C-alpha cells in the first residue's frame, strides 16, 4: 500500500460520487425487464400476490443498478455520465489503461418499490499490492456501490472486484 499515492489512499473507505437517481422506480421498467427474460413471478406482475407476500409491489432485487444507469443524454448535462466512476478514477490515477471486473456480489436489504427515489454512492474498500496475471501487471481493487431509499433505508450493496493492468510487453 505504501506505493499508492496519498490521493488514492485517501479514497479508501470514503463515500464518493453520492447521487440521487434521475428518475423514480417505476413499474414500466419492471414489466419490460421481466418480459425481456420471461420472468413470470407473480410478485412482480400481480398486485394481490405482491400485497400478500411483500406488502405491495416491488422491483426485482437484481434491478437495483437499473435506477442509476445514466441516460446517454439529459437536459443540462455537459458531459456523458459514467457509472462506477471510482473504477475509472483508479485506472487513471494508477496509469492502468486496461481493466476487467473479476467478481460482483449483490447483497439486498429493504425491497425497492415503485415510487422510490434511490440514492447511491461508491466506496473504495481496498487496492492490492502490484500483481502479475496472465493479462498483465496491475492491481486488484474492491469497490462497493451502496444504495438507500428516500427514507434512508439501506436497500442493497453491489461489491465489485476489478483488476486494472498494463499488458506486459
Foldseek 3Di string as FASTA:
>chain_A
DVPADPVVVVQAQDWPDKDKFPDFDALVVQVVVCVVVVPPPCLSPPQVVVCVPPVGHFHPLVCVCVSPPDDQDDPPDPHGDDPPVVVVVCCVSVVQVDKDWDDKDKDFDRTRHTPWIKIKTKHWHDWDDWDQDQQAIFIKTKMKIWMDTPVRHTTMIMIIIMTGHDGDD
